[in-house]
Amino acid sequence: MLIPKIKLVSQPDSEDAKEVLGYHWNDVAGTRHHLGGKPDGMSEDEYPVCDDCKKPMTFYAQIDSIGEKLDLADCMVIHNFVCFDCFNVKAILSQTQV
């Protein structure tokens, strides 16, 4: 199943949140959050399979590194997958091109 891509935009709620958001050296990292669509830098044959039913899982969301102060190992993203039959979830930390 392919969920339509929905871009997510960071909107910090406090001064503390504003201070950790973004990168001084890169305008792309920290902005690649989205629901649905396809995960950046990952092909469908790399999608995890459900531990229970053994079917390929559906890509659900991509969460980017927040910023320099909370960087995920050189601007990695978290790819989140779900099985809509068993409602199991898996997350994969991946390096994508910035």
PDB file of N, CA and C in Angstrom:
ATOM      1  N   MET A   1       0.857  -1.170   0.000  1.00  0.00           N
ATOM      2  CA  MET A   1       0.000   0.000   0.000  1.00  0.00           C
ATOM      3  C   MET A   1       0.903   1.232   0.000  1.00  0.00           C
ATOM      4  N   LEU A   2       0.604   2.210  -0.816  1.00  0.00           N
ATOM      5  CA  LEU A   2       1.335   3.472  -0.831  1.00  0.00           C
ATOM      6  C   LEU A   2       0.441   4.568  -0.272  1.00  0.00           C
ATOM      7  N   ILE A   3       0.871   5.144   0.827  1.00  0.00           N
ATOM      8  CA  ILE A   3       0.148   6.259   1.436  1.00  0.00           C
ATOM      9  C   ILE A   3       0.568   7.530   0.700  1.00  0.00           C
ATOM     10  N   PRO A   4      -0.347   8.418   0.343  1.00  0.00           N
ATOM     11  CA  PRO A   4       0.053   9.669  -0.315  1.00  0.00           C
ATOM     12  C   PRO A   4       1.014  10.465   0.572  1.00  0.00           C
ATOM     13  N   LYS A   5       1.995  11.109  -0.050  1.00  0.00           N
ATOM     14  CA  LYS A   5       2.997  11.864   0.705  1.00  0.00           C
ATOM     15  C   LYS A   5       2.406  13.157   1.266  1.00  0.00           C
ATOM     16  N   ILE A   6       2.643  13.375   2.559  1.00  0.00           N
ATOM     17  CA  ILE A   6       2.193  14.578   3.260  1.00  0.00           C
ATOM     18  C   ILE A   6       3.419  15.181   3.941  1.00  0.00           C
ATOM     19  N   LYS A   7       3.870  16.319   3.465  1.00  0.00           N
ATOM     20  CA  LYS A   7       5.050  16.997   4.011  1.00  0.00           C
ATOM     21  C   LYS A   7       4.742  17.536   5.404  1.00  0.00           C
ATOM     22  N   LEU A   8       5.680  17.384   6.326  1.00  0.00           N
ATOM     23  CA  LEU A   8       5.553  17.923   7.678  1.00  0.00           C
ATOM     24  C   LEU A   8       6.538  19.078   7.823  1.00  0.00           C
ATOM     25  N   VAL A   9       6.101  20.146   8.440  1.00  0.00           N
ATOM     26  CA  VAL A   9       6.934  21.326   8.625  1.00  0.00           C
ATOM     27  C   VAL A   9       7.123  21.549  10.124  1.00  0.00           C
ATOM     28  N   SER A  10       8.366  21.703  10.538  1.00  0.00           N
ATOM     29  CA  SER A  10       8.665  21.931  11.961  1.00  0.00           C
ATOM     30  C   SER A  10       8.212  23.314  12.388  1.00  0.00           C
ATOM     31  N   GLN A  11       7.487  23.353  13.495  1.00  0.00           N
ATOM     32  CA  GLN A  11       7.040  24.620  14.071  1.00  0.00           C
ATOM     33  C   GLN A  11       7.339  24.588  15.567  1.00  0.00           C
ATOM     34  N   PRO A  12       8.512  25.102  15.967  1.00  0.00           N
ATOM     35  CA  PRO A  12       8.889  25.046  17.384  1.00  0.00           C
ATOM     36  C   PRO A  12       7.941  25.860  18.254  1.00  0.00           C
ATOM     37  N   ASP A  13       7.606  25.311  19.423  1.00  0.00           N
ATOM     38  CA  ASP A  13       6.658  25.945  20.356  1.00  0.00           C
ATOM     39  C   ASP A  13       7.316  26.829  21.404  1.00  0.00           C
ATOM     40  N   SER A  14       8.644  26.777  21.496  1.00  0.00           N
ATOM     41  CA  SER A  14       9.319  27.537  22.546  1.00  0.00           C
ATOM     42  C   SER A  14      10.672  28.025  22.039  1.00  0.00           C
ATOM     43  N   GLU A  15      11.287  28.893  22.819  1.00  0.00           N
ATOM     44  CA  GLU A  15      12.636  29.379  22.488  1.00  0.00           C
ATOM     45  C   GLU A  15      13.635  28.227  22.553  1.00  0.00           C
ATOM     46  N   ASP A  16      13.473  27.320  23.522  1.00  0.00           N
ATOM     47  CA  ASP A  16      14.355  26.157  23.622  1.00  0.00           C
ATOM     48  C   ASP A  16      14.280  25.310  22.355  1.00  0.00           C
ATOM     49  N   ALA A  17      13.074  25.128  21.845  1.00  0.00           N
ATOM     50  CA  ALA A  17      12.889  24.340  20.622  1.00  0.00           C
ATOM     51  C   ALA A  17      13.509  25.049  19.419  1.00  0.00           C
ATOM     52  N   LYS A  18      13.367  26.344  19.331  1.00  0.00           N
ATOM     53  CA  LYS A  18      13.964  27.111  18.229  1.00  0.00           C
ATOM     54  C   LYS A  18      15.484  26.977  18.224  1.00  0.00           C
ATOM     55  N   GLU A  19      16.078  26.909  19.405  1.00  0.00           N
ATOM     56  CA  GLU A  19      17.535  26.826  19.519  1.00  0.00           C
ATOM     57  C   GLU A  19      18.112  25.502  19.015  1.00  0.00           C
ATOM     58  N   VAL A  20      17.349  24.421  19.061  1.00  0.00           N
ATOM     59  CA  VAL A  20      17.879  23.119  18.629  1.00  0.00           C
ATOM     60  C   VAL A  20      17.482  22.762  17.198  1.00  0.00           C
ATOM     61  N   LEU A  21      16.662  23.560  16.580  1.00  0.00           N
ATOM     62  CA  LEU A  21      16.151  23.264  15.245  1.00  0.00           C
ATOM     63  C   LEU A  21      17.113  23.730  14.154  1.00  0.00           C
ATOM     64  N   GLY A  22      17.406  22.837  13.203  1.00  0.00           N
ATOM     65  CA  GLY A  22      18.147  23.207  12.001  1.00  0.00           C
ATOM     66  C   GLY A  22      19.652  23.096  12.095  1.00  0.00           C
ATOM     67  N   TYR A  23      20.271  23.373  10.954  1.00  0.00           N
ATOM     68  CA  TYR A  23      21.714  23.266  10.769  1.00  0.00           C
ATOM     69  C   TYR A  23      22.243  24.572  10.186  1.00  0.00           C
ATOM     70  N   HIS A  24      23.398  25.000  10.655  1.00  0.00           N
ATOM     71  CA  HIS A  24      24.006  26.217  10.120  1.00  0.00           C
ATOM     72  C   HIS A  24      24.673  25.965   8.770  1.00  0.00           C
ATOM     73  N   TRP A  25      25.089  24.735   8.514  1.00  0.00           N
ATOM     74  CA  TRP A  25      25.867  24.399   7.331  1.00  0.00           C
ATOM     75  C   TRP A  25      25.061  23.691   6.245  1.00  0.00           C
ATOM     76  N   ASN A  26      23.780  23.472   6.482  1.00  0.00           N
ATOM     77  CA  ASN A  26      22.985  22.701   5.525  1.00  0.00           C
ATOM     78  C   ASN A  26      21.525  23.132   5.602  1.00  0.00           C
ATOM     79  N   ASP A  27      20.931  23.459   4.461  1.00  0.00           N
ATOM     80  CA  ASP A  27      19.534  23.904   4.424  1.00  0.00           C
ATOM     81  C   ASP A  27      18.529  22.762   4.238  1.00  0.00           C
ATOM     82  N   VAL A  28      19.014  21.560   3.923  1.00  0.00           N
ATOM     83  CA  VAL A  28      18.113  20.433   3.655  1.00  0.00           C
ATOM     84  C   VAL A  28      17.924  19.561   4.893  1.00  0.00           C
ATOM     85  N   ALA A  29      19.021  19.229   5.555  1.00  0.00           N
ATOM     86  CA  ALA A  29      18.941  18.384   6.751  1.00  0.00           C
ATOM     87  C   ALA A  29      18.035  19.046   7.775  1.00  0.00           C
ATOM     88  N   GLY A  30      17.179  18.248   8.375  1.00  0.00           N
ATOM     89  CA  GLY A  30      16.230  18.766   9.352  1.00  0.00           C
ATOM     90  C   GLY A  30      14.894  19.177   8.754  1.00  0.00           C
ATOM     91  N   THR A  31      14.753  19.039   7.424  1.00  0.00           N
ATOM     92  CA  THR A  31      13.504  19.434   6.752  1.00  0.00           C
ATOM     93  C   THR A  31      12.849  18.271   6.008  1.00  0.00           C
ATOM     94  N   ARG A  32      13.382  17.084   6.120  1.00  0.00           N
ATOM     95  CA  ARG A  32      12.909  15.943   5.310  1.00  0.00           C
ATOM     96  C   ARG A  32      11.848  15.094   6.008  1.00  0.00           C
ATOM     97  N   HIS A  33      11.078  15.687   6.923  1.00  0.00           N
ATOM     98  CA  HIS A  33      10.008  14.969   7.622  1.00  0.00           C
ATOM     99  C   HIS A  33       8.802  14.826   6.685  1.00  0.00           C
ATOM    100  N   HIS A  34       8.197  13.646   6.637  1.00  0.00           N
ATOM    101  CA  HIS A  34       6.933  13.480   5.896  1.00  0.00           C
ATOM    102  C   HIS A  34       6.224  12.195   6.290  1.00  0.00           C
ATOM    103  N   LEU A  35       4.914  12.225   6.093  1.00  0.00           N
ATOM    104  CA  LEU A  35       4.079  11.038   6.244  1.00  0.00           C
ATOM    105  C   LEU A  35       3.882  10.456   4.855  1.00  0.00           C
ATOM    106  N   GLY A  36       3.793   9.153   4.763  1.00  0.00           N
ATOM    107  CA  GLY A  36       3.499   8.502   3.495  1.00  0.00           C
ATOM    108  C   GLY A  36       4.555   8.746   2.430  1.00  0.00           C
ATOM    109  N   GLY A  37       4.152   8.504   1.179  1.00  0.00           N
ATOM    110  CA  GLY A  37       5.095   8.600   0.076  1.00  0.00           C
ATOM    111  C   GLY A  37       6.080   7.456   0.135  1.00  0.00           C
ATOM    112  N   LYS A  38       7.323   7.735  -0.250  1.00  0.00           N
ATOM    113  CA  LYS A  38       8.388   6.732  -0.208  1.00  0.00           C
ATOM    114  C   LYS A  38       9.528   7.262   0.647  1.00  0.00           C
ATOM    115  N   PRO A  39      10.209   6.381   1.353  1.00  0.00           N
ATOM    116  CA  PRO A  39      11.320   6.826   2.188  1.00  0.00           C
ATOM    117  C   PRO A  39      12.514   7.244   1.331  1.00  0.00           C
ATOM    118  N   ASP A  40      13.153   8.339   1.711  1.00  0.00           N
ATOM    119  CA  ASP A  40      14.343   8.788   0.996  1.00  0.00           C
ATOM    120  C   ASP A  40      15.459   7.765   1.165  1.00  0.00           C
ATOM    121  N   GLY A  41      16.116   7.430   0.063  1.00  0.00           N
ATOM    122  CA  GLY A  41      17.291   6.573   0.110  1.00  0.00           C
ATOM    123  C   GLY A  41      17.042   5.113   0.407  1.00  0.00           C
ATOM    124  N   MET A  42      15.813   4.648   0.253  1.00  0.00           N
ATOM    125  CA  MET A  42      15.498   3.248   0.547  1.00  0.00           C
ATOM    126  C   MET A  42      14.555   2.714  -0.527  1.00  0.00           C
ATOM    127  N   SER A  43      14.856   1.534  -1.065  1.00  0.00           N
ATOM    128  CA  SER A  43      13.987   0.927  -2.072  1.00  0.00           C
ATOM    129  C   SER A  43      13.013  -0.040  -1.409  1.00  0.00           C
ATOM    130  N   GLU A  44      11.945  -0.375  -2.123  1.00  0.00           N
ATOM    131  CA  GLU A  44      10.905  -1.239  -1.550  1.00  0.00           C
ATOM    132  C   GLU A  44      11.434  -2.609  -1.137  1.00  0.00           C
ATOM    133  N   ASP A  45      12.452  -3.107  -1.843  1.00  0.00           N
ATOM    134  CA  ASP A  45      12.990  -4.419  -1.470  1.00  0.00           C
ATOM    135  C   ASP A  45      13.762  -4.373  -0.150  1.00  0.00           C
ATOM    136  N   GLU A  46      14.015  -3.183   0.381  1.00  0.00           N
ATOM    137  CA  GLU A  46      14.664  -3.021   1.684  1.00  0.00           C
ATOM    138  C   GLU A  46      13.658  -2.841   2.825  1.00  0.00           C
ATOM    139  N   TYR A  47      12.371  -2.745   2.498  1.00  0.00           N
ATOM    140  CA  TYR A  47      11.348  -2.566   3.536  1.00  0.00           C
ATOM    141  C   TYR A  47      11.345  -3.790   4.445  1.00  0.00           C
ATOM    142  N   PRO A  48      11.127  -3.600   5.737  1.00  0.00           N
ATOM    143  CA  PRO A  48      11.062  -4.745   6.647  1.00  0.00           C
ATOM    144  C   PRO A  48       9.788  -5.561   6.424  1.00  0.00           C
ATOM    145  N   VAL A  49       9.808  -6.795   6.900  1.00  0.00           N
ATOM    146  CA  VAL A  49       8.616  -7.632   6.875  1.00  0.00           C
ATOM    147  C   VAL A  49       8.080  -7.747   8.291  1.00  0.00           C
ATOM    148  N   CYS A  50       6.796  -7.941   8.384  1.00  0.00           N
ATOM    149  CA  CYS A  50       6.128  -8.092   9.680  1.00  0.00           C
ATOM    150  C   CYS A  50       6.599  -9.380  10.354  1.00  0.00           C
ATOM    151  N   ASP A  51       6.891  -9.291  11.633  1.00  0.00           N
ATOM    152  CA  ASP A  51       7.338 -10.470  12.380  1.00  0.00           C
ATOM    153  C   ASP A  51       6.246 -11.534  12.499  1.00  0.00           C
ATOM    154  N   ASP A  52       4.985 -11.117  12.474  1.00  0.00           N
ATOM    155  CA  ASP A  52       3.894 -12.081  12.639  1.00  0.00           C
ATOM    156  C   ASP A  52       3.436 -12.693  11.324  1.00  0.00           C
ATOM    157  N   CYS A  53       3.044 -11.848  10.359  1.00  0.00           N
ATOM    158  CA  CYS A  53       2.466 -12.386   9.119  1.00  0.00           C
ATOM    159  C   CYS A  53       3.485 -12.549   7.989  1.00  0.00           C
ATOM    160  N   LYS A  54       4.686 -12.015   8.175  1.00  0.00           N
ATOM    161  CA  LYS A  54       5.789 -12.131   7.209  1.00  0.00           C
ATOM    162  C   LYS A  54       5.546 -11.374   5.906  1.00  0.00           C
ATOM    163  N   LYS A  55       4.575 -10.474   5.872  1.00  0.00           N
ATOM    164  CA  LYS A  55       4.315  -9.652   4.687  1.00  0.00           C
ATOM    165  C   LYS A  55       5.151  -8.374   4.763  1.00  0.00           C
ATOM    166  N   PRO A  56       5.486  -7.805   3.597  1.00  0.00           N
ATOM    167  CA  PRO A  56       6.201  -6.524   3.615  1.00  0.00           C
ATOM    168  C   PRO A  56       5.365  -5.465   4.330  1.00  0.00           C
ATOM    169  N   MET A  57       6.039  -4.632   5.112  1.00  0.00           N
ATOM    170  CA  MET A  57       5.356  -3.581   5.861  1.00  0.00           C
ATOM    171  C   MET A  57       5.176  -2.341   4.976  1.00  0.00           C
ATOM    172  N   THR A  58       4.274  -1.470   5.379  1.00  0.00           N
ATOM    173  CA  THR A  58       3.987  -0.237   4.654  1.00  0.00           C
ATOM    174  C   THR A  58       4.791   0.904   5.249  1.00  0.00           C
ATOM    175  N   PHE A  59       5.441   1.688   4.375  1.00  0.00           N
ATOM    176  CA  PHE A  59       6.148   2.874   4.852  1.00  0.00           C
ATOM    177  C   PHE A  59       5.107   3.867   5.335  1.00  0.00           C
ATOM    178  N   TYR A  60       5.314   4.391   6.554  1.00  0.00           N
ATOM    179  CA  TYR A  60       4.324   5.283   7.160  1.00  0.00           C
ATOM    180  C   TYR A  60       4.832   6.708   7.349  1.00  0.00           C
ATOM    181  N   ALA A  61       6.092   6.866   7.775  1.00  0.00           N
ATOM    182  CA  ALA A  61       6.598   8.213   8.042  1.00  0.00           C
ATOM    183  C   ALA A  61       8.118   8.236   8.049  1.00  0.00           C
ATOM    184  N   GLN A  62       8.637   9.419   7.743  1.00  0.00           N
ATOM    185  CA  GLN A  62      10.073   9.671   7.822  1.00  0.00           C
ATOM    186  C   GLN A  62      10.286  10.870   8.732  1.00  0.00           C
ATOM    187  N   ILE A  63      11.108  10.689   9.753  1.00  0.00           N
ATOM    188  CA  ILE A  63      11.428  11.769  10.685  1.00  0.00           C
ATOM    189  C   ILE A  63      12.917  12.076  10.530  1.00  0.00           C
ATOM    190  N   ASP A  64      13.215  13.320  10.188  1.00  0.00           N
ATOM    191  CA  ASP A  64      14.593  13.741   9.956  1.00  0.00           C
ATOM    192  C   ASP A  64      15.273  14.071  11.280  1.00  0.00           C
ATOM    193  N   SER A  65      16.588  14.189  11.242  1.00  0.00           N
ATOM    194  CA  SER A  65      17.327  14.729  12.384  1.00  0.00           C
ATOM    195  C   SER A  65      16.763  16.109  12.693  1.00  0.00           C
ATOM    196  N   ILE A  66      16.776  16.494  13.960  1.00  0.00           N
ATOM    197  CA  ILE A  66      16.179  17.768  14.356  1.00  0.00           C
ATOM    198  C   ILE A  66      17.100  18.938  14.036  1.00  0.00           C
ATOM    199  N   GLY A  67      18.365  18.785  14.337  1.00  0.00           N
ATOM    200  CA  GLY A  67      19.319  19.857  14.114  1.00  0.00           C
ATOM    201  C   GLY A  67      20.679  19.464  14.649  1.00  0.00           C
ATOM    202  N   GLU A  68      21.634  20.370  14.523  1.00  0.00           N
ATOM    203  CA  GLU A  68      23.012  20.092  14.922  1.00  0.00           C
ATOM    204  C   GLU A  68      23.132  19.603  16.361  1.00  0.00           C
ATOM    205  N   LYS A  69      22.369  20.178  17.269  1.00  0.00           N
ATOM    206  CA  LYS A  69      22.484  19.825  18.686  1.00  0.00           C
ATOM    207  C   LYS A  69      21.868  18.465  19.010  1.00  0.00           C
ATOM    208  N   LEU A  70      20.967  17.971  18.146  1.00  0.00           N
ATOM    209  CA  LEU A  70      20.313  16.675  18.349  1.00  0.00           C
ATOM    210  C   LEU A  70      20.438  15.807  17.096  1.00  0.00           C
ATOM    211  N   ASP A  71      21.584  15.885  16.454  1.00  0.00           N
ATOM    212  CA  ASP A  71      21.825  15.189  15.191  1.00  0.00           C
ATOM    213  C   ASP A  71      21.824  13.672  15.383  1.00  0.00           C
ATOM    214  N   LEU A  72      21.247  12.965  14.439  1.00  0.00           N
ATOM    215  CA  LEU A  72      21.238  11.501  14.449  1.00  0.00           C
ATOM    216  C   LEU A  72      22.376  10.996  13.563  1.00  0.00           C
ATOM    217  N   ALA A  73      23.571  10.875  14.119  1.00  0.00           N
ATOM    218  CA  ALA A  73      24.717  10.270  13.426  1.00  0.00           C
ATOM    219  C   ALA A  73      24.900  10.802  12.006  1.00  0.00           C
ATOM    220  N   ASP A  74      25.189  12.051  11.869  1.00  0.00           N
ATOM    221  CA  ASP A  74      25.455  12.706  10.587  1.00  0.00           C
ATOM    222  C   ASP A  74      24.198  12.786   9.714  1.00  0.00           C
ATOM    223  N   CYS A  75      23.170  13.381  10.248  1.00  0.00           N
ATOM    224  CA  CYS A  75      21.936  13.714   9.509  1.00  0.00           C
ATOM    225  C   CYS A  75      21.134  12.503   9.047  1.00  0.00           C
ATOM    226  N   MET A  76      21.074  11.468   9.843  1.00  0.00           N
ATOM    227  CA  MET A  76      20.266  10.302   9.484  1.00  0.00           C
ATOM    228  C   MET A  76      18.784  10.598   9.695  1.00  0.00           C
ATOM    229  N   VAL A  77      17.943   9.774   9.085  1.00  0.00           N
ATOM    230  CA  VAL A  77      16.494   9.884   9.264  1.00  0.00           C
ATOM    231  C   VAL A  77      15.968   8.573   9.839  1.00  0.00           C
ATOM    232  N   ILE A  78      14.807   8.662  10.493  1.00  0.00           N
ATOM    233  CA  ILE A  78      14.145   7.474  11.016  1.00  0.00           C
ATOM    234  C   ILE A  78      12.999   7.131  10.071  1.00  0.00           C
ATOM    235  N   HIS A  79      13.050   5.953   9.471  1.00  0.00           N
ATOM    236  CA  HIS A  79      11.963   5.470   8.614  1.00  0.00           C
ATOM    237  C   HIS A  79      11.064   4.578   9.458  1.00  0.00           C
ATOM    238  N   ASN A  80       9.774   4.888   9.471  1.00  0.00           N
ATOM    239  CA  ASN A  80       8.800   4.157  10.283  1.00  0.00           C
ATOM    240  C   ASN A  80       7.878   3.343   9.377  1.00  0.00           C
ATOM    241  N   PHE A  81       7.695   2.085   9.724  1.00  0.00           N
ATOM    242  CA  PHE A  81       6.873   1.160   8.939  1.00  0.00           C
ATOM    243  C   PHE A  81       5.801   0.548   9.824  1.00  0.00           C
ATOM    244  N   VAL A  82       4.663   0.168   9.194  1.00  0.00           N
ATOM    245  CA  VAL A  82       3.565  -0.451   9.923  1.00  0.00           C
ATOM    246  C   VAL A  82       2.987  -1.602   9.090  1.00  0.00           C
ATOM    247  N   CYS A  83       2.533  -2.633   9.780  1.00  0.00           N
ATOM    248  CA  CYS A  83       1.766  -3.695   9.136  1.00  0.00           C
ATOM    249  C   CYS A  83       0.297  -3.400   9.415  1.00  0.00           C
ATOM    250  N   PHE A  84      -0.473  -3.148   8.381  1.00  0.00           N
ATOM    251  CA  PHE A  84      -1.882  -2.822   8.564  1.00  0.00           C
ATOM    252  C   PHE A  84      -2.741  -4.052   8.851  1.00  0.00           C
ATOM    253  N   ASP A  85      -2.158  -5.254   8.761  1.00  0.00           N
ATOM    254  CA  ASP A  85      -2.882  -6.461   9.132  1.00  0.00           C
ATOM    255  C   ASP A  85      -2.701  -6.776  10.619  1.00  0.00           C
ATOM    256  N   CYS A  86      -1.466  -6.661  11.114  1.00  0.00           N
ATOM    257  CA  CYS A  86      -1.146  -7.037  12.494  1.00  0.00           C
ATOM    258  C   CYS A  86      -0.908  -5.839  13.413  1.00  0.00           C
ATOM    259  N   PHE A  87      -0.749  -4.668  12.821  1.00  0.00           N
ATOM    260  CA  PHE A  87      -0.446  -3.421  13.536  1.00  0.00           C
ATOM    261  C   PHE A  87       0.864  -3.492  14.326  1.00  0.00           C
ATOM    262  N   ASN A  88       1.822  -4.218  13.766  1.00  0.00           N
ATOM    263  CA  ASN A  88       3.191  -4.179  14.274  1.00  0.00           C
ATOM    264  C   ASN A  88       3.887  -2.993  13.617  1.00  0.00           C
ATOM    265  N   VAL A  89       4.867  -2.435  14.295  1.00  0.00           N
ATOM    266  CA  VAL A  89       5.630  -1.318  13.754  1.00  0.00           C
ATOM    267  C   VAL A  89       7.123  -1.601  13.859  1.00  0.00           C
ATOM    268  N   LYS A  90       7.885  -1.002  12.943  1.00  0.00           N
ATOM    269  CA  LYS A  90       9.344  -1.066  12.972  1.00  0.00           C
ATOM    270  C   LYS A  90       9.887   0.284  12.551  1.00  0.00           C
ATOM    271  N   ALA A  91      11.021   0.638  13.118  1.00  0.00           N
ATOM    272  CA  ALA A  91      11.709   1.866  12.750  1.00  0.00           C
ATOM    273  C   ALA A  91      13.134   1.508  12.345  1.00  0.00           C
ATOM    274  N   ILE A  92      13.621   2.179  11.295  1.00  0.00           N
ATOM    275  CA  ILE A  92      14.968   1.939  10.789  1.00  0.00           C
ATOM    276  C   ILE A  92      15.683   3.276  10.686  1.00  0.00           C
ATOM    277  N   LEU A  93      16.848   3.375  11.272  1.00  0.00           N
ATOM    278  CA  LEU A  93      17.674   4.568  11.171  1.00  0.00           C
ATOM    279  C   LEU A  93      18.505   4.442   9.913  1.00  0.00           C
ATOM    280  N   SER A  94      18.375   5.418   8.985  1.00  0.00           N
ATOM    281  CA  SER A  94      19.021   5.322   7.682  1.00  0.00           C
ATOM    282  C   SER A  94      19.765   6.593   7.317  1.00  0.00           C
ATOM    283  N   GLN A  95      20.852   6.401   6.583  1.00  0.00           N
ATOM    284  CA  GLN A  95      21.587   7.543   6.040  1.00  0.00           C
ATOM    285  C   GLN A  95      21.027   7.841   4.655  1.00  0.00           C
ATOM    286  N   THR A  96      20.665   9.080   4.411  1.00  0.00           N
ATOM    287  CA  THR A  96      20.193   9.483   3.091  1.00  0.00           C
ATOM    288  C   THR A  96      21.054  10.633   2.601  1.00  0.00           C
ATOM    289  N   GLN A  97      20.966  10.923   1.331  1.00  0.00           N
ATOM    290  CA  GLN A  97      21.729  12.029   0.757  1.00  0.00           C
ATOM    291  C   GLN A  97      21.157  13.355   1.215  1.00  0.00           C
ATOM    292  N   VAL A  98      22.028  14.273   1.551  1.00  0.00           N
ATOM    293  CA  VAL A  98      21.599  15.624   1.970  1.00  0.00           C
ATOM    294  C   VAL A  98      21.974  16.595   0.883  1.00  0.00           C
TER     295      VAL A  98
END
